[in-house]
């Protein structure tokens, strides 16, 4: 769990992902389209993949990936991120992490 918390706080927006997961790709593209360059941590390339998955579930993720952290805090998985975006709540959360050139 320490590894997850350390990685989650490395950058403003961190996505724990698997390289073969289409939902992970979709969430990553959403953030990029919103002007944020998230730190994408591909857990399937890590020898501790199983332990990371278990830690993410213990932290409250319904599914281990994608797991999105903003400002070091767990936001959730695809459903939570999309719900925040559709309600208009995601943009204020990511505003500090958007690129200066973003027109959003």
PDB file of N, CA and C in Angstrom:
ATOM      1  N   UNK A   1       0.827  -1.197   0.000  1.00  0.00           N
ATOM      2  CA  UNK A   1       0.000   0.000   0.000  1.00  0.00           C
ATOM      3  C   UNK A   1       0.868   1.256   0.000  1.00  0.00           C
ATOM      4  N   UNK A   2       2.047   1.186   0.607  1.00  0.00           N
ATOM      5  CA  UNK A   2       2.954   2.340   0.611  1.00  0.00           C
ATOM      6  C   UNK A   2       3.373   2.718  -0.804  1.00  0.00           C
ATOM      7  N   UNK A   3       3.596   1.716  -1.632  1.00  0.00           N
ATOM      8  CA  UNK A   3       4.002   1.972  -3.014  1.00  0.00           C
ATOM      9  C   UNK A   3       2.885   2.715  -3.757  1.00  0.00           C
ATOM     10  N   UNK A   4       1.650   2.324  -3.547  1.00  0.00           N
ATOM     11  CA  UNK A   4       0.506   2.974  -4.196  1.00  0.00           C
ATOM     12  C   UNK A   4       0.405   4.417  -3.737  1.00  0.00           C
ATOM     13  N   UNK A   5       0.480   4.645  -2.446  1.00  0.00           N
ATOM     14  CA  UNK A   5       0.372   6.011  -1.922  1.00  0.00           C
ATOM     15  C   UNK A   5       1.516   6.889  -2.408  1.00  0.00           C
ATOM     16  N   UNK A   6       2.708   6.338  -2.460  1.00  0.00           N
ATOM     17  CA  UNK A   6       3.863   7.099  -2.940  1.00  0.00           C
ATOM     18  C   UNK A   6       3.681   7.466  -4.413  1.00  0.00           C
ATOM     19  N   UNK A   7       3.297   6.508  -5.227  1.00  0.00           N
ATOM     20  CA  UNK A   7       3.099   6.769  -6.657  1.00  0.00           C
ATOM     21  C   UNK A   7       1.941   7.735  -6.887  1.00  0.00           C
ATOM     22  N   UNK A   8       0.886   7.615  -6.091  1.00  0.00           N
ATOM     23  CA  UNK A   8      -0.304   8.466  -6.257  1.00  0.00           C
ATOM     24  C   UNK A   8      -0.013   9.924  -5.951  1.00  0.00           C
ATOM     25  N   UNK A   9       1.026  10.171  -5.175  1.00  0.00           N
ATOM     26  CA  UNK A   9       1.329  11.554  -4.806  1.00  0.00           C
ATOM     27  C   UNK A   9       2.481  12.143  -5.624  1.00  0.00           C
ATOM     28  N   UNK A  10       2.987  11.396  -6.610  1.00  0.00           N
ATOM     29  CA  UNK A  10       4.114  11.856  -7.421  1.00  0.00           C
ATOM     30  C   UNK A  10       3.761  13.019  -8.335  1.00  0.00           C
ATOM     31  N   UNK A  11       2.514  13.085  -8.750  1.00  0.00           N
ATOM     32  CA  UNK A  11       2.079  14.096  -9.715  1.00  0.00           C
ATOM     33  C   UNK A  11       0.634  14.446  -9.399  1.00  0.00           C
ATOM     34  N   UNK A  12       0.136  15.536  -9.960  1.00  0.00           N
ATOM     35  CA  UNK A  12      -1.222  15.996  -9.670  1.00  0.00           C
ATOM     36  C   UNK A  12      -2.296  14.993 -10.023  1.00  0.00           C
ATOM     37  N   UNK A  13      -2.197  14.392 -11.203  1.00  0.00           N
ATOM     38  CA  UNK A  13      -3.167  13.381 -11.633  1.00  0.00           C
ATOM     39  C   UNK A  13      -2.404  12.108 -11.962  1.00  0.00           C
ATOM     40  N   UNK A  14      -2.781  11.026 -11.268  1.00  0.00           N
ATOM     41  CA  UNK A  14      -2.131   9.732 -11.461  1.00  0.00           C
ATOM     42  C   UNK A  14      -3.209   8.701 -11.762  1.00  0.00           C
ATOM     43  N   UNK A  15      -2.944   7.898 -12.799  1.00  0.00           N
ATOM     44  CA  UNK A  15      -3.873   6.840 -13.176  1.00  0.00           C
ATOM     45  C   UNK A  15      -3.134   5.510 -13.099  1.00  0.00           C
ATOM     46  N   UNK A  16      -3.627   4.622 -12.250  1.00  0.00           N
ATOM     47  CA  UNK A  16      -3.125   3.255 -12.226  1.00  0.00           C
ATOM     48  C   UNK A  16      -3.885   2.513 -13.301  1.00  0.00           C
ATOM     49  N   UNK A  17      -3.142   1.862 -14.196  1.00  0.00           N
ATOM     50  CA  UNK A  17      -3.707   1.338 -15.423  1.00  0.00           C
ATOM     51  C   UNK A  17      -3.124  -0.024 -15.737  1.00  0.00           C
ATOM     52  N   UNK A  18      -3.715  -0.688 -16.721  1.00  0.00           N
ATOM     53  CA  UNK A  18      -3.130  -1.875 -17.335  1.00  0.00           C
ATOM     54  C   UNK A  18      -3.071  -1.598 -18.825  1.00  0.00           C
ATOM     55  N   UNK A  19      -1.996  -1.981 -19.449  1.00  0.00           N
ATOM     56  CA  UNK A  19      -1.776  -1.646 -20.854  1.00  0.00           C
ATOM     57  C   UNK A  19      -2.830  -2.226 -21.785  1.00  0.00           C
ATOM     58  N   UNK A  20      -3.514  -3.286 -21.387  1.00  0.00           N
ATOM     59  CA  UNK A  20      -4.521  -3.910 -22.243  1.00  0.00           C
ATOM     60  C   UNK A  20      -5.949  -3.478 -21.921  1.00  0.00           C
ATOM     61  N   UNK A  21      -6.122  -2.531 -21.021  1.00  0.00           N
ATOM     62  CA  UNK A  21      -7.460  -2.143 -20.548  1.00  0.00           C
ATOM     63  C   UNK A  21      -8.002  -0.962 -21.358  1.00  0.00           C
ATOM     64  N   UNK A  22      -9.112  -1.187 -22.065  1.00  0.00           N
ATOM     65  CA  UNK A  22      -9.682  -0.119 -22.886  1.00  0.00           C
ATOM     66  C   UNK A  22     -10.287   1.002 -22.030  1.00  0.00           C
ATOM     67  N   UNK A  23     -10.807   0.697 -20.855  1.00  0.00           N
ATOM     68  CA  UNK A  23     -11.343   1.744 -19.974  1.00  0.00           C
ATOM     69  C   UNK A  23     -10.218   2.625 -19.440  1.00  0.00           C
ATOM     70  N   UNK A  24      -9.088   2.023 -19.168  1.00  0.00           N
ATOM     71  CA  UNK A  24      -7.922   2.800 -18.726  1.00  0.00           C
ATOM     72  C   UNK A  24      -7.492   3.775 -19.815  1.00  0.00           C
ATOM     73  N   UNK A  25      -7.462   3.298 -21.031  1.00  0.00           N
ATOM     74  CA  UNK A  25      -7.103   4.139 -22.168  1.00  0.00           C
ATOM     75  C   UNK A  25      -8.099   5.293 -22.311  1.00  0.00           C
ATOM     76  N   UNK A  26      -9.375   4.999 -22.185  1.00  0.00           N
ATOM     77  CA  UNK A  26     -10.417   6.017 -22.323  1.00  0.00           C
ATOM     78  C   UNK A  26     -10.283   7.101 -21.262  1.00  0.00           C
ATOM     79  N   UNK A  27     -10.054   6.716 -20.021  1.00  0.00           N
ATOM     80  CA  UNK A  27      -9.905   7.680 -18.935  1.00  0.00           C
ATOM     81  C   UNK A  27      -8.646   8.531 -19.154  1.00  0.00           C
ATOM     82  N   UNK A  28      -7.569   7.906 -19.593  1.00  0.00           N
ATOM     83  CA  UNK A  28      -6.334   8.644 -19.869  1.00  0.00           C
ATOM     84  C   UNK A  28      -6.555   9.677 -20.971  1.00  0.00           C
ATOM     85  N   UNK A  29      -7.227   9.283 -22.040  1.00  0.00           N
ATOM     86  CA  UNK A  29      -7.515  10.200 -23.143  1.00  0.00           C
ATOM     87  C   UNK A  29      -8.419  11.340 -22.680  1.00  0.00           C
ATOM     88  N   UNK A  30      -9.382  11.062 -21.822  1.00  0.00           N
ATOM     89  CA  UNK A  30     -10.252  12.120 -21.288  1.00  0.00           C
ATOM     90  C   UNK A  30      -9.412  13.191 -20.600  1.00  0.00           C
ATOM     91  N   UNK A  31      -8.518  12.786 -19.728  1.00  0.00           N
ATOM     92  CA  UNK A  31      -7.685  13.761 -19.018  1.00  0.00           C
ATOM     93  C   UNK A  31      -6.798  14.539 -19.990  1.00  0.00           C
ATOM     94  N   UNK A  32      -6.240  13.853 -20.966  1.00  0.00           N
ATOM     95  CA  UNK A  32      -5.400  14.554 -21.953  1.00  0.00           C
ATOM     96  C   UNK A  32      -6.223  15.556 -22.759  1.00  0.00           C
ATOM     97  N   UNK A  33      -7.442  15.168 -23.131  1.00  0.00           N
ATOM     98  CA  UNK A  33      -8.327  16.089 -23.860  1.00  0.00           C
ATOM     99  C   UNK A  33      -8.707  17.302 -23.009  1.00  0.00           C
ATOM    100  N   UNK A  34      -8.694  17.129 -21.694  1.00  0.00           N
ATOM    101  CA  UNK A  34      -9.009  18.222 -20.775  1.00  0.00           C
ATOM    102  C   UNK A  34      -7.770  19.045 -20.405  1.00  0.00           C
ATOM    103  N   UNK A  35      -6.651  18.754 -21.049  1.00  0.00           N
ATOM    104  CA  UNK A  35      -5.448  19.552 -20.840  1.00  0.00           C
ATOM    105  C   UNK A  35      -4.552  19.105 -19.713  1.00  0.00           C
ATOM    106  N   UNK A  36      -4.727  17.873 -19.248  1.00  0.00           N
ATOM    107  CA  UNK A  36      -3.914  17.334 -18.154  1.00  0.00           C
ATOM    108  C   UNK A  36      -3.063  16.192 -18.705  1.00  0.00           C
ATOM    109  N   UNK A  37      -1.799  16.193 -18.349  1.00  0.00           N
ATOM    110  CA  UNK A  37      -0.914  15.078 -18.700  1.00  0.00           C
ATOM    111  C   UNK A  37      -0.746  14.208 -17.447  1.00  0.00           C
ATOM    112  N   UNK A  38      -1.605  13.204 -17.290  1.00  0.00           N
ATOM    113  CA  UNK A  38      -1.523  12.387 -16.080  1.00  0.00           C
ATOM    114  C   UNK A  38      -0.297  11.497 -16.084  1.00  0.00           C
ATOM    115  N   UNK A  39       0.121  11.124 -14.911  1.00  0.00           N
ATOM    116  CA  UNK A  39       1.165  10.089 -14.755  1.00  0.00           C
ATOM    117  C   UNK A  39       0.419   8.771 -14.822  1.00  0.00           C
ATOM    118  N   UNK A  40       0.667   7.996 -15.865  1.00  0.00           N
ATOM    119  CA  UNK A  40       0.004   6.700 -16.038  1.00  0.00           C
ATOM    120  C   UNK A  40       0.964   5.622 -15.557  1.00  0.00           C
ATOM    121  N   UNK A  41       0.528   4.899 -14.544  1.00  0.00           N
ATOM    122  CA  UNK A  41       1.346   3.853 -13.942  1.00  0.00           C
ATOM    123  C   UNK A  41       0.783   2.505 -14.375  1.00  0.00           C
ATOM    124  N   UNK A  42       1.444   1.864 -15.340  1.00  0.00           N
ATOM    125  CA  UNK A  42       0.998   0.574 -15.879  1.00  0.00           C
ATOM    126  C   UNK A  42       1.372  -0.539 -14.900  1.00  0.00           C
ATOM    127  N   UNK A  43       0.401  -0.984 -14.120  1.00  0.00           N
ATOM    128  CA  UNK A  43       0.725  -1.957 -13.075  1.00  0.00           C
ATOM    129  C   UNK A  43       1.077  -3.327 -13.639  1.00  0.00           C
ATOM    130  N   UNK A  44       0.630  -3.639 -14.858  1.00  0.00           N
ATOM    131  CA  UNK A  44       0.965  -4.942 -15.428  1.00  0.00           C
ATOM    132  C   UNK A  44       2.435  -5.027 -15.847  1.00  0.00           C
ATOM    133  N   UNK A  45       3.149  -3.921 -15.800  1.00  0.00           N
ATOM    134  CA  UNK A  45       4.587  -3.912 -16.061  1.00  0.00           C
ATOM    135  C   UNK A  45       5.400  -3.926 -14.764  1.00  0.00           C
ATOM    136  N   UNK A  46       4.714  -4.062 -13.649  1.00  0.00           N
ATOM    137  CA  UNK A  46       5.360  -4.045 -12.335  1.00  0.00           C
ATOM    138  C   UNK A  46       5.334  -5.454 -11.745  1.00  0.00           C
ATOM    139  N   UNK A  47       6.446  -5.925 -11.203  1.00  0.00           N
ATOM    140  CA  UNK A  47       6.450  -7.263 -10.606  1.00  0.00           C
ATOM    141  C   UNK A  47       5.511  -7.388  -9.401  1.00  0.00           C
ATOM    142  N   UNK A  48       5.134  -6.266  -8.802  1.00  0.00           N
ATOM    143  CA  UNK A  48       4.220  -6.279  -7.653  1.00  0.00           C
ATOM    144  C   UNK A  48       2.770  -6.051  -8.069  1.00  0.00           C
ATOM    145  N   UNK A  49       2.429  -6.403  -9.299  1.00  0.00           N
ATOM    146  CA  UNK A  49       1.098  -6.129  -9.850  1.00  0.00           C
ATOM    147  C   UNK A  49      -0.035  -6.603  -8.940  1.00  0.00           C
ATOM    148  N   UNK A  50       0.023  -7.818  -8.474  1.00  0.00           N
ATOM    149  CA  UNK A  50      -1.050  -8.377  -7.620  1.00  0.00           C
ATOM    150  C   UNK A  50      -1.196  -7.593  -6.314  1.00  0.00           C
ATOM    151  N   UNK A  51      -0.098  -7.236  -5.713  1.00  0.00           N
ATOM    152  CA  UNK A  51      -0.140  -6.490  -4.458  1.00  0.00           C
ATOM    153  C   UNK A  51      -0.707  -5.081  -4.691  1.00  0.00           C
ATOM    154  N   UNK A  52      -0.348  -4.481  -5.822  1.00  0.00           N
ATOM    155  CA  UNK A  52      -0.874  -3.152  -6.152  1.00  0.00           C
ATOM    156  C   UNK A  52      -2.380  -3.223  -6.356  1.00  0.00           C
ATOM    157  N   UNK A  53      -2.858  -4.238  -7.082  1.00  0.00           N
ATOM    158  CA  UNK A  53      -4.298  -4.422  -7.285  1.00  0.00           C
ATOM    159  C   UNK A  53      -5.022  -4.550  -5.944  1.00  0.00           C
ATOM    160  N   UNK A  54      -4.481  -5.373  -5.057  1.00  0.00           N
ATOM    161  CA  UNK A  54      -5.104  -5.575  -3.743  1.00  0.00           C
ATOM    162  C   UNK A  54      -5.127  -4.270  -2.956  1.00  0.00           C
ATOM    163  N   UNK A  55      -4.041  -3.512  -3.016  1.00  0.00           N
ATOM    164  CA  UNK A  55      -3.973  -2.240  -2.290  1.00  0.00           C
ATOM    165  C   UNK A  55      -5.003  -1.259  -2.834  1.00  0.00           C
ATOM    166  N   UNK A  56      -5.175  -1.203  -4.143  1.00  0.00           N
ATOM    167  CA  UNK A  56      -6.154  -0.289  -4.739  1.00  0.00           C
ATOM    168  C   UNK A  56      -7.577  -0.653  -4.318  1.00  0.00           C
ATOM    169  N   UNK A  57      -7.879  -1.937  -4.271  1.00  0.00           N
ATOM    170  CA  UNK A  57      -9.203  -2.375  -3.818  1.00  0.00           C
ATOM    171  C   UNK A  57      -9.391  -2.037  -2.340  1.00  0.00           C
ATOM    172  N   UNK A  58      -8.357  -2.234  -1.523  1.00  0.00           N
ATOM    173  CA  UNK A  58      -8.455  -1.886  -0.096  1.00  0.00           C
ATOM    174  C   UNK A  58      -8.667  -0.387   0.102  1.00  0.00           C
ATOM    175  N   UNK A  59      -8.111   0.426  -0.796  1.00  0.00           N
ATOM    176  CA  UNK A  59      -8.287   1.876  -0.693  1.00  0.00           C
ATOM    177  C   UNK A  59      -9.687   2.328  -1.099  1.00  0.00           C
ATOM    178  N   UNK A  60     -10.442   1.437  -1.766  1.00  0.00           N
ATOM    179  CA  UNK A  60     -11.817   1.776  -2.104  1.00  0.00           C
ATOM    180  C   UNK A  60     -12.181   1.725  -3.565  1.00  0.00           C
ATOM    181  N   UNK A  61     -11.288   1.246  -4.415  1.00  0.00           N
ATOM    182  CA  UNK A  61     -11.619   1.122  -5.838  1.00  0.00           C
ATOM    183  C   UNK A  61     -12.536  -0.081  -6.040  1.00  0.00           C
ATOM    184  N   UNK A  62     -13.601   0.132  -6.810  1.00  0.00           N
ATOM    185  CA  UNK A  62     -14.493  -0.988  -7.134  1.00  0.00           C
ATOM    186  C   UNK A  62     -13.768  -2.010  -7.998  1.00  0.00           C
ATOM    187  N   UNK A  63     -13.010  -1.533  -8.959  1.00  0.00           N
ATOM    188  CA  UNK A  63     -12.160  -2.369  -9.804  1.00  0.00           C
ATOM    189  C   UNK A  63     -10.732  -1.847  -9.634  1.00  0.00           C
ATOM    190  N   UNK A  64      -9.753  -2.727  -9.712  1.00  0.00           N
ATOM    191  CA  UNK A  64      -8.388  -2.257  -9.474  1.00  0.00           C
ATOM    192  C   UNK A  64      -7.927  -1.191 -10.466  1.00  0.00           C
ATOM    193  N   UNK A  65      -8.354  -1.299 -11.728  1.00  0.00           N
ATOM    194  CA  UNK A  65      -7.960  -0.304 -12.731  1.00  0.00           C
ATOM    195  C   UNK A  65      -9.148   0.060 -13.607  1.00  0.00           C
ATOM    196  N   UNK A  66      -9.212   1.250 -14.125  1.00  0.00           N
ATOM    197  CA  UNK A  66      -8.321   2.344 -13.795  1.00  0.00           C
ATOM    198  C   UNK A  66      -8.623   2.880 -12.402  1.00  0.00           C
ATOM    199  N   UNK A  67      -7.599   3.305 -11.722  1.00  0.00           N
ATOM    200  CA  UNK A  67      -7.745   3.950 -10.420  1.00  0.00           C
ATOM    201  C   UNK A  67      -7.148   5.342 -10.562  1.00  0.00           C
ATOM    202  N   UNK A  68      -7.982   6.365 -10.379  1.00  0.00           N
ATOM    203  CA  UNK A  68      -7.568   7.738 -10.610  1.00  0.00           C
ATOM    204  C   UNK A  68      -7.383   8.463  -9.285  1.00  0.00           C
ATOM    205  N   UNK A  69      -6.227   9.110  -9.153  1.00  0.00           N
ATOM    206  CA  UNK A  69      -5.913   9.934  -8.000  1.00  0.00           C
ATOM    207  C   UNK A  69      -5.703  11.357  -8.486  1.00  0.00           C
ATOM    208  N   UNK A  70      -6.307  12.310  -7.803  1.00  0.00           N
ATOM    209  CA  UNK A  70      -6.110  13.726  -8.104  1.00  0.00           C
ATOM    210  C   UNK A  70      -5.633  14.389  -6.825  1.00  0.00           C
ATOM    211  N   UNK A  71      -4.489  15.033  -6.905  1.00  0.00           N
ATOM    212  CA  UNK A  71      -3.911  15.661  -5.723  1.00  0.00           C
ATOM    213  C   UNK A  71      -3.624  14.674  -4.613  1.00  0.00           C
ATOM    214  N   UNK A  72      -3.276  13.443  -4.993  1.00  0.00           N
ATOM    215  CA  UNK A  72      -2.949  12.416  -4.011  1.00  0.00           C
ATOM    216  C   UNK A  72      -4.149  11.719  -3.388  1.00  0.00           C
ATOM    217  N   UNK A  73      -5.358  12.145  -3.763  1.00  0.00           N
ATOM    218  CA  UNK A  73      -6.572  11.554  -3.201  1.00  0.00           C
ATOM    219  C   UNK A  73      -7.255  10.661  -4.230  1.00  0.00           C
ATOM    220  N   UNK A  74      -7.728   9.511  -3.784  1.00  0.00           N
ATOM    221  CA  UNK A  74      -8.430   8.593  -4.669  1.00  0.00           C
ATOM    222  C   UNK A  74      -9.749   9.209  -5.108  1.00  0.00           C
ATOM    223  N   UNK A  75      -9.956   9.293  -6.424  1.00  0.00           N
ATOM    224  CA  UNK A  75     -11.222   9.753  -6.988  1.00  0.00           C
ATOM    225  C   UNK A  75     -12.092   8.553  -7.306  1.00  0.00           C
ATOM    226  N   UNK A  76     -11.482   7.506  -7.820  1.00  0.00           N
ATOM    227  CA  UNK A  76     -12.222   6.294  -8.132  1.00  0.00           C
ATOM    228  C   UNK A  76     -11.845   5.743  -9.486  1.00  0.00           C
ATOM    229  N   UNK A  77     -12.771   4.984 -10.042  1.00  0.00           N
ATOM    230  CA  UNK A  77     -12.543   4.330 -11.312  1.00  0.00           C
ATOM    231  C   UNK A  77     -13.326   5.044 -12.412  1.00  0.00           C
ATOM    232  N   UNK A  78     -13.555   4.366 -13.484  1.00  0.00           N
ATOM    233  CA  UNK A  78     -14.204   4.956 -14.659  1.00  0.00           C
ATOM    234  C   UNK A  78     -15.544   5.585 -14.319  1.00  0.00           C
ATOM    235  N   UNK A  79     -16.399   4.869 -13.615  1.00  0.00           N
ATOM    236  CA  UNK A  79     -17.735   5.393 -13.298  1.00  0.00           C
ATOM    237  C   UNK A  79     -17.672   6.690 -12.501  1.00  0.00           C
ATOM    238  N   UNK A  80     -16.811   6.746 -11.520  1.00  0.00           N
ATOM    239  CA  UNK A  80     -16.705   7.953 -10.692  1.00  0.00           C
ATOM    240  C   UNK A  80     -16.161   9.126 -11.500  1.00  0.00           C
ATOM    241  N   UNK A  81     -15.143   8.864 -12.313  1.00  0.00           N
ATOM    242  CA  UNK A  81     -14.548   9.931 -13.130  1.00  0.00           C
ATOM    243  C   UNK A  81     -15.566  10.464 -14.130  1.00  0.00           C
ATOM    244  N   UNK A  82     -16.256   9.575 -14.807  1.00  0.00           N
ATOM    245  CA  UNK A  82     -17.246  10.015 -15.802  1.00  0.00           C
ATOM    246  C   UNK A  82     -18.412  10.744 -15.146  1.00  0.00           C
ATOM    247  N   UNK A  83     -18.840  10.289 -13.984  1.00  0.00           N
ATOM    248  CA  UNK A  83     -19.913  10.979 -13.261  1.00  0.00           C
ATOM    249  C   UNK A  83     -19.485  12.389 -12.875  1.00  0.00           C
ATOM    250  N   UNK A  84     -18.261  12.525 -12.392  1.00  0.00           N
ATOM    251  CA  UNK A  84     -17.740  13.852 -12.047  1.00  0.00           C
ATOM    252  C   UNK A  84     -17.675  14.747 -13.281  1.00  0.00           C
ATOM    253  N   UNK A  85     -17.243  14.172 -14.394  1.00  0.00           N
ATOM    254  CA  UNK A  85     -17.124  14.959 -15.618  1.00  0.00           C
ATOM    255  C   UNK A  85     -18.498  15.411 -16.114  1.00  0.00           C
ATOM    256  N   UNK A  86     -19.455  14.505 -16.126  1.00  0.00           N
ATOM    257  CA  UNK A  86     -20.793  14.838 -16.613  1.00  0.00           C
ATOM    258  C   UNK A  86     -21.501  15.846 -15.713  1.00  0.00           C
ATOM    259  N   UNK A  87     -21.189  15.836 -14.427  1.00  0.00           N
ATOM    260  CA  UNK A  87     -21.828  16.780 -13.498  1.00  0.00           C
ATOM    261  C   UNK A  87     -21.116  18.141 -13.486  1.00  0.00           C
ATOM    262  N   UNK A  88     -19.971  18.221 -14.159  1.00  0.00           N
ATOM    263  CA  UNK A  88     -19.218  19.472 -14.181  1.00  0.00           C
ATOM    264  C   UNK A  88     -18.268  19.639 -13.009  1.00  0.00           C
ATOM    265  N   UNK A  89     -18.103  18.608 -12.215  1.00  0.00           N
ATOM    266  CA  UNK A  89     -17.253  18.689 -11.022  1.00  0.00           C
ATOM    267  C   UNK A  89     -15.793  18.326 -11.273  1.00  0.00           C
ATOM    268  N   UNK A  90     -15.503  17.688 -12.394  1.00  0.00           N
ATOM    269  CA  UNK A  90     -14.135  17.242 -12.649  1.00  0.00           C
ATOM    270  C   UNK A  90     -13.207  18.414 -13.007  1.00  0.00           C
ATOM    271  N   UNK A  91     -13.679  19.321 -13.826  1.00  0.00           N
ATOM    272  CA  UNK A  91     -12.831  20.439 -14.273  1.00  0.00           C
ATOM    273  C   UNK A  91     -12.278  21.243 -13.096  1.00  0.00           C
ATOM    274  N   UNK A  92     -13.107  21.642 -12.117  1.00  0.00           N
ATOM    275  CA  UNK A  92     -12.523  22.377 -10.981  1.00  0.00           C
ATOM    276  C   UNK A  92     -11.468  21.568 -10.216  1.00  0.00           C
ATOM    277  N   UNK A  93     -11.630  20.248 -10.180  1.00  0.00           N
ATOM    278  CA  UNK A  93     -10.662  19.407  -9.465  1.00  0.00           C
ATOM    279  C   UNK A  93      -9.319  19.362 -10.188  1.00  0.00           C
ATOM    280  N   UNK A  94      -9.349  19.391 -11.521  1.00  0.00           N
ATOM    281  CA  UNK A  94      -8.110  19.248 -12.285  1.00  0.00           C
ATOM    282  C   UNK A  94      -7.524  20.579 -12.738  1.00  0.00           C
ATOM    283  N   UNK A  95      -8.236  21.664 -12.513  1.00  0.00           N
ATOM    284  CA  UNK A  95      -7.770  22.973 -12.986  1.00  0.00           C
ATOM    285  C   UNK A  95      -6.317  23.276 -12.603  1.00  0.00           C
ATOM    286  N   UNK A  96      -5.885  22.986 -11.358  1.00  0.00           N
ATOM    287  CA  UNK A  96      -4.483  23.279 -11.019  1.00  0.00           C
ATOM    288  C   UNK A  96      -3.467  22.462 -11.820  1.00  0.00           C
ATOM    289  N   UNK A  97      -3.916  21.395 -12.465  1.00  0.00           N
ATOM    290  CA  UNK A  97      -3.005  20.499 -13.175  1.00  0.00           C
ATOM    291  C   UNK A  97      -3.114  20.618 -14.691  1.00  0.00           C
ATOM    292  N   UNK A  98      -3.977  21.499 -15.154  1.00  0.00           N
ATOM    293  CA  UNK A  98      -4.126  21.691 -16.592  1.00  0.00           C
ATOM    294  C   UNK A  98      -2.947  22.482 -17.146  1.00  0.00           C
ATOM    295  N   UNK A  99      -2.591  22.168 -18.389  1.00  0.00           N
ATOM    296  CA  UNK A  99      -1.501  22.889 -19.061  1.00  0.00           C
ATOM    297  C   UNK A  99      -1.881  24.351 -19.238  1.00  0.00           C
ATOM    298  N   UNK A 100      -0.921  25.228 -19.136  1.00  0.00           N
ATOM    299  CA  UNK A 100      -1.168  26.665 -19.254  1.00  0.00           C
ATOM    300  C   UNK A 100      -1.792  27.019 -20.586  1.00  0.00           C
ATOM    301  N   UNK A 101      -1.485  26.271 -21.633  1.00  0.00           N
ATOM    302  CA  UNK A 101      -1.988  26.590 -22.964  1.00  0.00           C
ATOM    303  C   UNK A 101      -3.387  26.050 -23.208  1.00  0.00           C
ATOM    304  N   UNK A 102      -3.938  25.325 -22.237  1.00  0.00           N
ATOM    305  CA  UNK A 102      -5.267  24.753 -22.426  1.00  0.00           C
ATOM    306  C   UNK A 102      -6.328  25.846 -22.504  1.00  0.00           C
ATOM    307  N   UNK A 103      -7.285  25.649 -23.387  1.00  0.00           N
ATOM    308  CA  UNK A 103      -8.344  26.640 -23.591  1.00  0.00           C
ATOM    309  C   UNK A 103      -9.575  26.337 -22.766  1.00  0.00           C
ATOM    310  N   UNK A 104      -9.469  25.460 -21.808  1.00  0.00           N
ATOM    311  CA  UNK A 104     -10.630  25.057 -21.008  1.00  0.00           C
ATOM    312  C   UNK A 104     -10.823  26.007 -19.853  1.00  0.00           C
TER     313      UNK A 104
END
